[in-house]
């Protein structure tokens, strides 16, 4: 039986990468991409765990989730730094 690619697995990976790349855009865009990637990864993980023999591409979901978490952390640090800099300015 052929395995289907997990829905949105590549998109989760792309959003995880974009969350890191856009963390320096005042932190807001990176947060948006990271949060979207985490929500999509949660749904994909639930789908995969329900029937793991039907799907492939779970490695992309795990990698995208990790990248999204890193992007959210970096974006949060940058956003907090920007807010502190504006408060002192």
PDB file of N, CA and C in Angstrom:
ATOM      1  N   UNK A   1       0.842  -1.177   0.000  1.00  0.00           N
ATOM      2  CA  UNK A   1       0.000   0.000   0.000  1.00  0.00           C
ATOM      3  C   UNK A   1       0.894   1.249   0.000  1.00  0.00           C
ATOM      4  N   UNK A   2       0.549   2.218  -0.806  1.00  0.00           N
ATOM      5  CA  UNK A   2       1.300   3.460  -0.901  1.00  0.00           C
ATOM      6  C   UNK A   2       0.989   4.362   0.281  1.00  0.00           C
ATOM      7  N   UNK A   3       2.034   4.990   0.790  1.00  0.00           N
ATOM      8  CA  UNK A   3       1.843   5.926   1.891  1.00  0.00           C
ATOM      9  C   UNK A   3       1.589   7.314   1.328  1.00  0.00           C
ATOM     10  N   UNK A   4       0.646   8.003   1.916  1.00  0.00           N
ATOM     11  CA  UNK A   4       0.364   9.380   1.537  1.00  0.00           C
ATOM     12  C   UNK A   4       1.303  10.307   2.303  1.00  0.00           C
ATOM     13  N   UNK A   5       1.605  11.432   1.684  1.00  0.00           N
ATOM     14  CA  UNK A   5       2.372  12.450   2.394  1.00  0.00           C
ATOM     15  C   UNK A   5       1.455  13.113   3.412  1.00  0.00           C
ATOM     16  N   UNK A   6       1.974  13.336   4.574  1.00  0.00           N
ATOM     17  CA  UNK A   6       1.205  13.968   5.637  1.00  0.00           C
ATOM     18  C   UNK A   6       0.759  15.357   5.192  1.00  0.00           C
ATOM     19  N   UNK A   7      -0.514  15.692   5.368  1.00  0.00           N
ATOM     20  CA  UNK A   7      -0.997  17.003   4.912  1.00  0.00           C
ATOM     21  C   UNK A   7      -0.221  18.151   5.554  1.00  0.00           C
ATOM     22  N   UNK A   8       0.185  19.084   4.742  1.00  0.00           N
ATOM     23  CA  UNK A   8       0.870  20.315   5.157  1.00  0.00           C
ATOM     24  C   UNK A   8       2.245  20.085   5.768  1.00  0.00           C
ATOM     25  N   UNK A   9       2.851  18.927   5.558  1.00  0.00           N
ATOM     26  CA  UNK A   9       4.157  18.683   6.176  1.00  0.00           C
ATOM     27  C   UNK A   9       5.227  19.614   5.616  1.00  0.00           C
ATOM     28  N   UNK A  10       5.209  19.853   4.334  1.00  0.00           N
ATOM     29  CA  UNK A  10       6.186  20.759   3.732  1.00  0.00           C
ATOM     30  C   UNK A  10       5.898  22.202   4.131  1.00  0.00           C
ATOM     31  N   UNK A  11       4.646  22.570   4.217  1.00  0.00           N
ATOM     32  CA  UNK A  11       4.264  23.928   4.605  1.00  0.00           C
ATOM     33  C   UNK A  11       4.682  24.223   6.050  1.00  0.00           C
ATOM     34  N   UNK A  12       4.577  23.231   6.916  1.00  0.00           N
ATOM     35  CA  UNK A  12       5.010  23.401   8.306  1.00  0.00           C
ATOM     36  C   UNK A  12       6.505  23.665   8.347  1.00  0.00           C
ATOM     37  N   UNK A  13       7.251  22.928   7.560  1.00  0.00           N
ATOM     38  CA  UNK A  13       8.696  23.118   7.496  1.00  0.00           C
ATOM     39  C   UNK A  13       9.044  24.513   6.963  1.00  0.00           C
ATOM     40  N   UNK A  14       8.358  24.951   5.934  1.00  0.00           N
ATOM     41  CA  UNK A  14       8.603  26.279   5.355  1.00  0.00           C
ATOM     42  C   UNK A  14       8.260  27.377   6.359  1.00  0.00           C
ATOM     43  N   UNK A  15       7.137  27.239   7.050  1.00  0.00           N
ATOM     44  CA  UNK A  15       6.771  28.251   8.051  1.00  0.00           C
ATOM     45  C   UNK A  15       7.755  28.267   9.220  1.00  0.00           C
ATOM     46  N   UNK A  16       8.274  27.103   9.593  1.00  0.00           N
ATOM     47  CA  UNK A  16       9.285  27.056  10.643  1.00  0.00           C
ATOM     48  C   UNK A  16      10.544  27.796  10.234  1.00  0.00           C
ATOM     49  N   UNK A  17      10.963  27.598   8.991  1.00  0.00           N
ATOM     50  CA  UNK A  17      12.140  28.312   8.481  1.00  0.00           C
ATOM     51  C   UNK A  17      11.864  29.809   8.397  1.00  0.00           C
ATOM     52  N   UNK A  18      10.695  30.179   7.908  1.00  0.00           N
ATOM     53  CA  UNK A  18      10.345  31.599   7.796  1.00  0.00           C
ATOM     54  C   UNK A  18      10.254  32.276   9.163  1.00  0.00           C
ATOM     55  N   UNK A  19       9.854  31.537  10.186  1.00  0.00           N
ATOM     56  CA  UNK A  19       9.770  32.139  11.520  1.00  0.00           C
ATOM     57  C   UNK A  19      11.157  32.528  12.027  1.00  0.00           C
ATOM     58  N   UNK A  20      12.171  31.747  11.655  1.00  0.00           N
ATOM     59  CA  UNK A  20      13.535  32.105  12.045  1.00  0.00           C
ATOM     60  C   UNK A  20      14.062  33.248  11.183  1.00  0.00           C
ATOM     61  N   UNK A  21      13.819  33.176   9.892  1.00  0.00           N
ATOM     62  CA  UNK A  21      14.333  34.205   8.986  1.00  0.00           C
ATOM     63  C   UNK A  21      13.715  35.570   9.227  1.00  0.00           C
ATOM     64  N   UNK A  22      12.473  35.620   9.673  1.00  0.00           N
ATOM     65  CA  UNK A  22      11.784  36.901   9.853  1.00  0.00           C
ATOM     66  C   UNK A  22      11.724  37.341  11.306  1.00  0.00           C
ATOM     67  N   UNK A  23      12.534  36.728  12.167  1.00  0.00           N
ATOM     68  CA  UNK A  23      12.496  37.122  13.574  1.00  0.00           C
ATOM     69  C   UNK A  23      13.032  38.536  13.782  1.00  0.00           C
ATOM     70  N   UNK A  24      13.828  39.039  12.855  1.00  0.00           N
ATOM     71  CA  UNK A  24      14.392  40.385  12.997  1.00  0.00           C
ATOM     72  C   UNK A  24      13.477  41.479  12.454  1.00  0.00           C
ATOM     73  N   UNK A  25      12.319  41.122  11.970  1.00  0.00           N
ATOM     74  CA  UNK A  25      11.345  42.110  11.487  1.00  0.00           C
ATOM     75  C   UNK A  25      10.471  42.550  12.660  1.00  0.00           C
ATOM     76  N   UNK A  26      11.106  43.154  13.658  1.00  0.00           N
ATOM     77  CA  UNK A  26      10.482  43.605  14.896  1.00  0.00           C
ATOM     78  C   UNK A  26       9.860  42.465  15.696  1.00  0.00           C
ATOM     79  N   UNK A  27      10.096  41.224  15.311  1.00  0.00           N
ATOM     80  CA  UNK A  27       9.630  40.071  16.059  1.00  0.00           C
ATOM     81  C   UNK A  27       8.209  39.650  15.785  1.00  0.00           C
ATOM     82  N   UNK A  28       7.433  40.489  15.161  1.00  0.00           N
ATOM     83  CA  UNK A  28       6.004  40.205  14.986  1.00  0.00           C
ATOM     84  C   UNK A  28       5.778  39.170  13.887  1.00  0.00           C
ATOM     85  N   UNK A  29       6.426  39.330  12.763  1.00  0.00           N
ATOM     86  CA  UNK A  29       6.208  38.421  11.641  1.00  0.00           C
ATOM     87  C   UNK A  29       6.709  37.024  11.986  1.00  0.00           C
ATOM     88  N   UNK A  30       7.852  36.946  12.666  1.00  0.00           N
ATOM     89  CA  UNK A  30       8.370  35.649  13.091  1.00  0.00           C
ATOM     90  C   UNK A  30       7.444  34.944  14.061  1.00  0.00           C
ATOM     91  N   UNK A  31       6.832  35.705  14.966  1.00  0.00           N
ATOM     92  CA  UNK A  31       5.862  35.122  15.889  1.00  0.00           C
ATOM     93  C   UNK A  31       4.657  34.555  15.152  1.00  0.00           C
ATOM     94  N   UNK A  32       4.180  35.285  14.168  1.00  0.00           N
ATOM     95  CA  UNK A  32       3.015  34.834  13.402  1.00  0.00           C
ATOM     96  C   UNK A  32       3.313  33.527  12.681  1.00  0.00           C
ATOM     97  N   UNK A  33       4.448  33.483  11.966  1.00  0.00           N
ATOM     98  CA  UNK A  33       4.812  32.263  11.252  1.00  0.00           C
ATOM     99  C   UNK A  33       5.041  31.100  12.214  1.00  0.00           C
ATOM    100  N   UNK A  34       5.666  31.357  13.341  1.00  0.00           N
ATOM    101  CA  UNK A  34       5.942  30.304  14.314  1.00  0.00           C
ATOM    102  C   UNK A  34       4.686  29.733  14.931  1.00  0.00           C
ATOM    103  N   UNK A  35       3.765  30.597  15.288  1.00  0.00           N
ATOM    104  CA  UNK A  35       2.519  30.134  15.900  1.00  0.00           C
ATOM    105  C   UNK A  35       1.690  29.329  14.898  1.00  0.00           C
ATOM    106  N   UNK A  36       1.615  29.807  13.669  1.00  0.00           N
ATOM    107  CA  UNK A  36       0.878  29.067  12.634  1.00  0.00           C
ATOM    108  C   UNK A  36       1.506  27.690  12.419  1.00  0.00           C
ATOM    109  N   UNK A  37       2.837  27.639  12.372  1.00  0.00           N
ATOM    110  CA  UNK A  37       3.524  26.357  12.173  1.00  0.00           C
ATOM    111  C   UNK A  37       3.264  25.408  13.338  1.00  0.00           C
ATOM    112  N   UNK A  38       3.243  25.918  14.570  1.00  0.00           N
ATOM    113  CA  UNK A  38       2.982  25.056  15.723  1.00  0.00           C
ATOM    114  C   UNK A  38       1.565  24.497  15.707  1.00  0.00           C
ATOM    115  N   UNK A  39       0.595  25.316  15.354  1.00  0.00           N
ATOM    116  CA  UNK A  39      -0.791  24.850  15.300  1.00  0.00           C
ATOM    117  C   UNK A  39      -0.954  23.790  14.212  1.00  0.00           C
ATOM    118  N   UNK A  40      -0.357  24.048  13.055  1.00  0.00           N
ATOM    119  CA  UNK A  40      -0.444  23.076  11.968  1.00  0.00           C
ATOM    120  C   UNK A  40       0.292  21.785  12.314  1.00  0.00           C
ATOM    121  N   UNK A  41       1.416  21.894  13.028  1.00  0.00           N
ATOM    122  CA  UNK A  41       2.177  20.704  13.423  1.00  0.00           C
ATOM    123  C   UNK A  41       1.387  19.865  14.420  1.00  0.00           C
ATOM    124  N   UNK A  42       0.654  20.519  15.290  1.00  0.00           N
ATOM    125  CA  UNK A  42      -0.163  19.778  16.265  1.00  0.00           C
ATOM    126  C   UNK A  42      -1.228  18.956  15.546  1.00  0.00           C
ATOM    127  N   UNK A  43      -1.893  19.562  14.580  1.00  0.00           N
ATOM    128  CA  UNK A  43      -2.916  18.834  13.821  1.00  0.00           C
ATOM    129  C   UNK A  43      -2.303  17.689  13.015  1.00  0.00           C
ATOM    130  N   UNK A  44      -1.148  17.943  12.408  1.00  0.00           N
ATOM    131  CA  UNK A  44      -0.489  16.906  11.609  1.00  0.00           C
ATOM    132  C   UNK A  44      -0.019  15.756  12.498  1.00  0.00           C
ATOM    133  N   UNK A  45       0.451  16.080  13.700  1.00  0.00           N
ATOM    134  CA  UNK A  45       0.903  15.037  14.625  1.00  0.00           C
ATOM    135  C   UNK A  45      -0.268  14.166  15.055  1.00  0.00           C
ATOM    136  N   UNK A  46      -1.403  14.783  15.336  1.00  0.00           N
ATOM    137  CA  UNK A  46      -2.590  14.018  15.709  1.00  0.00           C
ATOM    138  C   UNK A  46      -3.027  13.104  14.571  1.00  0.00           C
ATOM    139  N   UNK A  47      -2.973  13.613  13.347  1.00  0.00           N
ATOM    140  CA  UNK A  47      -3.340  12.813  12.176  1.00  0.00           C
ATOM    141  C   UNK A  47      -2.394  11.637  12.007  1.00  0.00           C
ATOM    142  N   UNK A  48      -1.103  11.897  12.174  1.00  0.00           N
ATOM    143  CA  UNK A  48      -0.106  10.846  12.009  1.00  0.00           C
ATOM    144  C   UNK A  48      -0.240   9.782  13.099  1.00  0.00           C
ATOM    145  N   UNK A  49      -0.419  10.200  14.340  1.00  0.00           N
ATOM    146  CA  UNK A  49      -0.493   9.244  15.436  1.00  0.00           C
ATOM    147  C   UNK A  49      -1.766   8.408  15.402  1.00  0.00           C
ATOM    148  N   UNK A  50      -2.799   8.908  14.752  1.00  0.00           N
ATOM    149  CA  UNK A  50      -4.028   8.118  14.622  1.00  0.00           C
ATOM    150  C   UNK A  50      -3.793   6.900  13.727  1.00  0.00           C
ATOM    151  N   UNK A  51      -3.071   7.086  12.614  1.00  0.00           N
ATOM    152  CA  UNK A  51      -2.779   5.993  11.687  1.00  0.00           C
ATOM    153  C   UNK A  51      -1.397   6.190  11.069  1.00  0.00           C
ATOM    154  N   UNK A  52      -0.342   5.833  11.793  1.00  0.00           N
ATOM    155  CA  UNK A  52       1.019   6.093  11.299  1.00  0.00           C
ATOM    156  C   UNK A  52       1.398   5.271  10.069  1.00  0.00           C
ATOM    157  N   UNK A  53       0.744   4.167   9.849  1.00  0.00           N
ATOM    158  CA  UNK A  53       1.100   3.338   8.691  1.00  0.00           C
ATOM    159  C   UNK A  53       0.610   3.930   7.370  1.00  0.00           C
ATOM    160  N   UNK A  54      -0.278   4.895   7.418  1.00  0.00           N
ATOM    161  CA  UNK A  54      -0.819   5.494   6.194  1.00  0.00           C
ATOM    162  C   UNK A  54      -0.023   6.689   5.679  1.00  0.00           C
ATOM    163  N   UNK A  55       0.800   7.289   6.542  1.00  0.00           N
ATOM    164  CA  UNK A  55       1.414   8.562   6.179  1.00  0.00           C
ATOM    165  C   UNK A  55       2.937   8.503   6.220  1.00  0.00           C
ATOM    166  N   UNK A  56       3.548   9.308   5.361  1.00  0.00           N
ATOM    167  CA  UNK A  56       4.988   9.545   5.395  1.00  0.00           C
ATOM    168  C   UNK A  56       5.195  11.053   5.519  1.00  0.00           C
ATOM    169  N   UNK A  57       6.415  11.467   5.788  1.00  0.00           N
ATOM    170  CA  UNK A  57       6.700  12.892   5.897  1.00  0.00           C
ATOM    171  C   UNK A  57       6.605  13.433   7.301  1.00  0.00           C
ATOM    172  N   UNK A  58       6.591  12.550   8.297  1.00  0.00           N
ATOM    173  CA  UNK A  58       6.494  13.017   9.684  1.00  0.00           C
ATOM    174  C   UNK A  58       7.784  13.723  10.121  1.00  0.00           C
ATOM    175  N   UNK A  59       8.905  13.383   9.503  1.00  0.00           N
ATOM    176  CA  UNK A  59      10.178  14.037   9.830  1.00  0.00           C
ATOM    177  C   UNK A  59      10.123  15.533   9.508  1.00  0.00           C
ATOM    178  N   UNK A  60       9.448  15.904   8.415  1.00  0.00           N
ATOM    179  CA  UNK A  60       9.281  17.326   8.085  1.00  0.00           C
ATOM    180  C   UNK A  60       8.478  18.044   9.159  1.00  0.00           C
ATOM    181  N   UNK A  61       7.474  17.378   9.687  1.00  0.00           N
ATOM    182  CA  UNK A  61       6.633  17.987  10.729  1.00  0.00           C
ATOM    183  C   UNK A  61       7.453  18.205  12.000  1.00  0.00           C
ATOM    184  N   UNK A  62       8.242  17.214  12.391  1.00  0.00           N
ATOM    185  CA  UNK A  62       9.059  17.353  13.599  1.00  0.00           C
ATOM    186  C   UNK A  62      10.104  18.454  13.433  1.00  0.00           C
ATOM    187  N   UNK A  63      10.747  18.497  12.278  1.00  0.00           N
ATOM    188  CA  UNK A  63      11.750  19.534  12.028  1.00  0.00           C
ATOM    189  C   UNK A  63      11.114  20.915  11.985  1.00  0.00           C
ATOM    190  N   UNK A  64       9.978  21.039  11.317  1.00  0.00           N
ATOM    191  CA  UNK A  64       9.274  22.319  11.252  1.00  0.00           C
ATOM    192  C   UNK A  64       8.820  22.796  12.613  1.00  0.00           C
ATOM    193  N   UNK A  65       8.401  21.860  13.465  1.00  0.00           N
ATOM    194  CA  UNK A  65       7.964  22.212  14.815  1.00  0.00           C
ATOM    195  C   UNK A  65       9.137  22.753  15.629  1.00  0.00           C
ATOM    196  N   UNK A  66      10.283  22.094  15.546  1.00  0.00           N
ATOM    197  CA  UNK A  66      11.463  22.553  16.271  1.00  0.00           C
ATOM    198  C   UNK A  66      11.904  23.931  15.771  1.00  0.00           C
ATOM    199  N   UNK A  67      11.910  24.116  14.454  1.00  0.00           N
ATOM    200  CA  UNK A  67      12.281  25.417  13.894  1.00  0.00           C
ATOM    201  C   UNK A  67      11.292  26.503  14.313  1.00  0.00           C
ATOM    202  N   UNK A  68      10.008  26.153  14.391  1.00  0.00           N
ATOM    203  CA  UNK A  68       8.995  27.127  14.813  1.00  0.00           C
ATOM    204  C   UNK A  68       9.211  27.540  16.265  1.00  0.00           C
ATOM    205  N   UNK A  69       9.556  26.587  17.112  1.00  0.00           N
ATOM    206  CA  UNK A  69       9.816  26.915  18.513  1.00  0.00           C
ATOM    207  C   UNK A  69      11.029  27.837  18.621  1.00  0.00           C
ATOM    208  N   UNK A  70      12.080  27.526  17.881  1.00  0.00           N
ATOM    209  CA  UNK A  70      13.270  28.384  17.883  1.00  0.00           C
ATOM    210  C   UNK A  70      12.919  29.776  17.352  1.00  0.00           C
ATOM    211  N   UNK A  71      12.125  29.833  16.287  1.00  0.00           N
ATOM    212  CA  UNK A  71      11.713  31.121  15.727  1.00  0.00           C
ATOM    213  C   UNK A  71      10.875  31.936  16.684  1.00  0.00           C
ATOM    214  N   UNK A  72       9.991  31.269  17.425  1.00  0.00           N
ATOM    215  CA  UNK A  72       9.161  31.979  18.401  1.00  0.00           C
ATOM    216  C   UNK A  72      10.024  32.549  19.522  1.00  0.00           C
ATOM    217  N   UNK A  73      10.976  31.772  19.995  1.00  0.00           N
ATOM    218  CA  UNK A  73      11.867  32.252  21.056  1.00  0.00           C
ATOM    219  C   UNK A  73      12.688  33.446  20.573  1.00  0.00           C
ATOM    220  N   UNK A  74      13.295  33.331  19.394  1.00  0.00           N
ATOM    221  CA  UNK A  74      14.091  34.446  18.861  1.00  0.00           C
ATOM    222  C   UNK A  74      13.231  35.684  18.608  1.00  0.00           C
ATOM    223  N   UNK A  75      12.042  35.479  18.067  1.00  0.00           N
ATOM    224  CA  UNK A  75      11.150  36.610  17.797  1.00  0.00           C
ATOM    225  C   UNK A  75      10.700  37.275  19.087  1.00  0.00           C
ATOM    226  N   UNK A  76      10.436  36.475  20.109  1.00  0.00           N
ATOM    227  CA  UNK A  76      10.030  37.031  21.396  1.00  0.00           C
ATOM    228  C   UNK A  76      11.153  37.858  22.008  1.00  0.00           C
ATOM    229  N   UNK A  77      12.368  37.336  21.948  1.00  0.00           N
ATOM    230  CA  UNK A  77      13.516  38.082  22.480  1.00  0.00           C
ATOM    231  C   UNK A  77      13.694  39.391  21.721  1.00  0.00           C
ATOM    232  N   UNK A  78      13.589  39.338  20.409  1.00  0.00           N
ATOM    233  CA  UNK A  78      13.755  40.551  19.610  1.00  0.00           C
ATOM    234  C   UNK A  78      12.635  41.547  19.885  1.00  0.00           C
ATOM    235  N   UNK A  79      11.398  41.058  20.014  1.00  0.00           N
ATOM    236  CA  UNK A  79      10.263  41.942  20.290  1.00  0.00           C
ATOM    237  C   UNK A  79      10.393  42.597  21.658  1.00  0.00           C
ATOM    238  N   UNK A  80      10.785  41.829  22.654  1.00  0.00           N
ATOM    239  CA  UNK A  80      10.977  42.386  23.995  1.00  0.00           C
ATOM    240  C   UNK A  80      12.108  43.407  23.988  1.00  0.00           C
ATOM    241  N   UNK A  81      13.177  43.106  23.273  1.00  0.00           N
ATOM    242  CA  UNK A  81      14.291  44.055  23.171  1.00  0.00           C
ATOM    243  C   UNK A  81      13.870  45.349  22.490  1.00  0.00           C
ATOM    244  N   UNK A  82      13.045  45.228  21.458  1.00  0.00           N
ATOM    245  CA  UNK A  82      12.548  46.413  20.758  1.00  0.00           C
ATOM    246  C   UNK A  82      11.652  47.244  21.669  1.00  0.00           C
ATOM    247  N   UNK A  83      10.787  46.599  22.436  1.00  0.00           N
ATOM    248  CA  UNK A  83       9.901  47.303  23.349  1.00  0.00           C
ATOM    249  C   UNK A  83      10.716  48.009  24.434  1.00  0.00           C
ATOM    250  N   UNK A  84      11.728  47.343  24.967  1.00  0.00           N
ATOM    251  CA  UNK A  84      12.587  47.966  25.994  1.00  0.00           C
ATOM    252  C   UNK A  84      13.352  49.139  25.409  1.00  0.00           C
ATOM    253  N   UNK A  85      13.853  48.988  24.182  1.00  0.00           N
ATOM    254  CA  UNK A  85      14.601  50.077  23.545  1.00  0.00           C
ATOM    255  C   UNK A  85      13.701  51.276  23.308  1.00  0.00           C
ATOM    256  N   UNK A  86      12.479  51.032  22.884  1.00  0.00           N
ATOM    257  CA  UNK A  86      11.539  52.153  22.676  1.00  0.00           C
ATOM    258  C   UNK A  86      11.134  52.785  23.997  1.00  0.00           C
ATOM    259  N   UNK A  87      11.039  52.002  25.052  1.00  0.00           N
ATOM    260  CA  UNK A  87      10.657  52.551  26.355  1.00  0.00           C
ATOM    261  C   UNK A  87      11.760  53.475  26.901  1.00  0.00           C
ATOM    262  N   UNK A  88      13.010  53.119  26.668  1.00  0.00           N
ATOM    263  CA  UNK A  88      14.105  53.962  27.142  1.00  0.00           C
ATOM    264  C   UNK A  88      14.363  55.145  26.230  1.00  0.00           C
ATOM    265  N   UNK A  89      13.932  55.047  24.992  1.00  0.00           N
ATOM    266  CA  UNK A  89      14.155  56.126  24.069  1.00  0.00           C
ATOM    267  C   UNK A  89      13.181  57.244  24.348  1.00  0.00           C
TER     268      UNK A  89
END
